[in-house]
Amino acid sequence: MARISVDVPDGLKDEIKETAERKNFKSPSEYIRQALREKLEEDSELDQELLLRALKLKQGDVETTSIDDIIEKYE
């Protein structure tokens, strides 16, 4: 297994340790590994969604809205 070293503030380290214990992980490292797996999966899904949207846009299969209309909607 490879090792990656990451510096975190003391408060975050304590929070990771407490959360790992509360969620019954064997160690903070197990908790961090799981969190990284979930983040990588989330990012992969997002990349696929963006690719699908780009393909639909290229094919003219997407309704577009001007930025002015979006701003007006949320003002």
Protein backbone atom coordinates (compact mmCIF):
# COMPACT_ATOMS: atom_id res chain seq x y z
CA MET A 1 0.00 0.00 0.00
CA ALA A 2 1.30 3.46 -0.88
CA ARG A 3 1.52 6.30 1.59
CA ILE A 4 0.43 9.91 1.08
CA SER A 5 1.22 12.47 3.75
CA VAL A 6 -1.21 15.34 4.29
CA ASP A 7 -0.89 18.16 6.82
CA VAL A 8 -4.15 19.18 8.48
CA PRO A 9 -4.95 21.62 11.27
CA ASP A 10 -5.13 20.10 14.76
CA GLY A 11 -8.88 20.71 14.96
CA LEU A 12 -9.51 18.79 11.74
CA LYS A 13 -7.29 15.94 12.91
CA ASP A 14 -9.30 15.71 16.12
CA GLU A 15 -12.59 15.82 14.22
CA ILE A 16 -11.45 13.04 11.86
CA LYS A 17 -10.38 10.87 14.79
CA GLU A 18 -13.64 11.44 16.69
CA THR A 19 -15.79 10.80 13.62
CA ALA A 20 -13.87 7.63 12.75
CA GLU A 21 -14.43 6.32 16.27
CA ARG A 22 -18.11 7.29 16.29
CA LYS A 23 -18.70 5.55 12.97
CA ASN A 24 -16.80 2.45 14.09
CA PHE A 25 -13.92 2.66 11.63
CA LYS A 26 -10.84 0.67 12.65
CA SER A 27 -8.71 3.81 12.43
CA PRO A 28 -8.75 7.40 11.18
CA SER A 29 -6.84 6.14 8.12
CA GLU A 30 -9.72 3.79 7.23
CA TYR A 31 -12.15 6.67 7.55
CA ILE A 32 -10.02 8.91 5.32
CA ARG A 33 -9.62 6.15 2.71
CA GLN A 34 -13.40 5.69 2.57
CA ALA A 35 -13.96 9.44 2.29
CA LEU A 36 -11.48 9.61 -0.59
CA ARG A 37 -13.14 6.67 -2.38
CA GLU A 38 -16.52 8.40 -2.10
CA LYS A 39 -15.11 11.73 -3.34
CA LEU A 40 -13.40 10.07 -6.32
CA GLU A 41 -16.66 8.30 -7.23
CA GLU A 42 -18.60 11.57 -6.93
CA ASP A 43 -16.10 13.41 -9.13
CA SER A 44 -16.20 10.61 -11.72
CA GLU A 45 -20.00 10.80 -11.86
CA LEU A 46 -19.83 14.58 -12.23
CA ASP A 47 -17.32 14.28 -15.09
CA GLN A 48 -19.62 11.83 -16.88
CA GLU A 49 -22.62 14.13 -16.37
CA LEU A 50 -20.71 17.10 -17.79
CA LEU A 51 -19.62 15.02 -20.79
CA LEU A 52 -23.21 13.95 -21.44
CA ARG A 53 -24.40 17.55 -21.22
CA ALA A 54 -21.66 18.68 -23.61
CA LEU A 55 -22.64 15.99 -26.13
CA LYS A 56 -26.30 16.95 -25.92
CA LEU A 57 -25.43 20.62 -26.36
CA LYS A 58 -23.27 19.82 -29.39
CA GLN A 59 -26.16 17.84 -30.91
CA GLY A 60 -28.54 20.73 -30.25
CA ASP A 61 -30.52 18.54 -27.86
CA VAL A 62 -30.39 21.01 -24.97
CA GLU A 63 -32.50 24.07 -24.32
CA THR A 64 -30.28 27.05 -23.57
CA THR A 65 -31.01 30.06 -21.40
CA SER A 66 -29.21 33.38 -21.54
CA ILE A 67 -27.24 34.50 -18.51
CA ASP A 68 -29.47 37.59 -18.28
CA ASP A 69 -32.57 35.38 -17.96
CA ILE A 70 -30.91 33.34 -15.23
CA ILE A 71 -29.87 36.43 -13.28
CA GLU A 72 -33.35 37.90 -13.62
CA LYS A 73 -34.93 34.67 -12.35
CA TYR A 74 -32.88 34.67 -9.15
CA GLU A 75 -32.99 38.38 -8.30
